Amino acid sequence: MAPPSTPTVQDHVALAEIELCGELMIAASATDGERLSADRIDEVLNVGNVPAPGAH
């Protein structure tokens, strides 16, 4: 009798969030200050000024 197989499930959103948290931890450990600035967090997370929905 063959052993039961264990299905592999990947939650891509969770994996992306874990990767972003890791990037923030790396950036925080490399900073001279006590905290990351909001601008540095945005830079690490690769976010910018996102226009409001419906704005042109």
Protein backbone atom coordinates (compact mmCIF):
# COMPACT_ATOMS: atom_id res chain seq x y z
CA MET A 1 0.00 0.00 0.00
CA ALA A 2 1.38 3.40 -1.00
CA PRO A 3 1.71 6.11 1.69
CA PRO A 4 -0.87 8.87 1.45
CA SER A 5 0.39 11.87 -0.43
CA THR A 6 0.45 15.27 1.21
CA PRO A 7 -0.87 17.95 -1.10
CA THR A 8 1.29 21.04 -1.40
CA VAL A 9 -0.65 24.25 -0.99
CA GLN A 10 0.92 27.64 -1.51
CA ASP A 11 -0.72 30.87 -0.50
CA HIS A 12 0.93 33.34 -2.85
CA VAL A 13 -0.39 36.39 -0.99
CA ALA A 14 1.01 35.10 2.31
CA LEU A 15 4.35 34.33 0.68
CA ALA A 16 4.51 37.86 -0.77
CA GLU A 17 3.71 39.37 2.63
CA ILE A 18 6.44 37.28 4.27
CA GLU A 19 8.92 38.45 1.64
CA LEU A 20 7.97 42.11 2.22
CA CYS A 21 8.36 41.68 5.99
CA GLY A 22 11.79 40.23 5.39
CA GLU A 23 12.74 43.20 3.24
CA LEU A 24 11.59 45.57 5.99
CA MET A 25 13.63 43.65 8.60
CA ILE A 26 16.73 43.86 6.41
CA ALA A 27 16.23 47.60 5.89
CA ALA A 28 15.62 48.15 9.62
CA SER A 29 18.77 46.28 10.57
CA ALA A 30 20.81 48.40 8.16
CA THR A 31 19.53 51.76 9.38
CA ASP A 32 21.50 53.97 11.75
CA GLY A 33 18.40 55.39 13.40
CA GLU A 34 15.92 53.86 15.79
CA ARG A 35 13.15 53.62 13.18
CA LEU A 36 12.64 53.60 9.45
CA SER A 37 11.11 56.76 8.06
CA ALA A 38 7.82 56.53 6.22
CA ASP A 39 9.65 57.42 3.01
CA ARG A 40 12.17 54.60 3.54
CA ILE A 41 9.36 52.11 4.24
CA ASP A 42 7.64 53.17 1.01
CA GLU A 43 10.93 52.76 -0.84
CA VAL A 44 11.50 49.26 0.57
CA LEU A 45 7.92 48.20 -0.18
CA ASN A 46 8.18 49.76 -3.65
CA VAL A 47 5.14 51.97 -3.24
CA GLY A 48 4.74 55.50 -4.43
CA ASN A 49 2.14 58.14 -4.66
CA VAL A 50 -0.82 56.14 -5.84
CA PRO A 51 -3.56 58.34 -7.29
CA ALA A 52 -6.99 58.05 -5.73
CA PRO A 53 -9.47 55.90 -7.65
CA GLY A 54 -11.14 57.95 -10.37
CA ALA A 55 -8.44 60.63 -10.32
CA HIS A 56 -6.87 61.47 -13.68
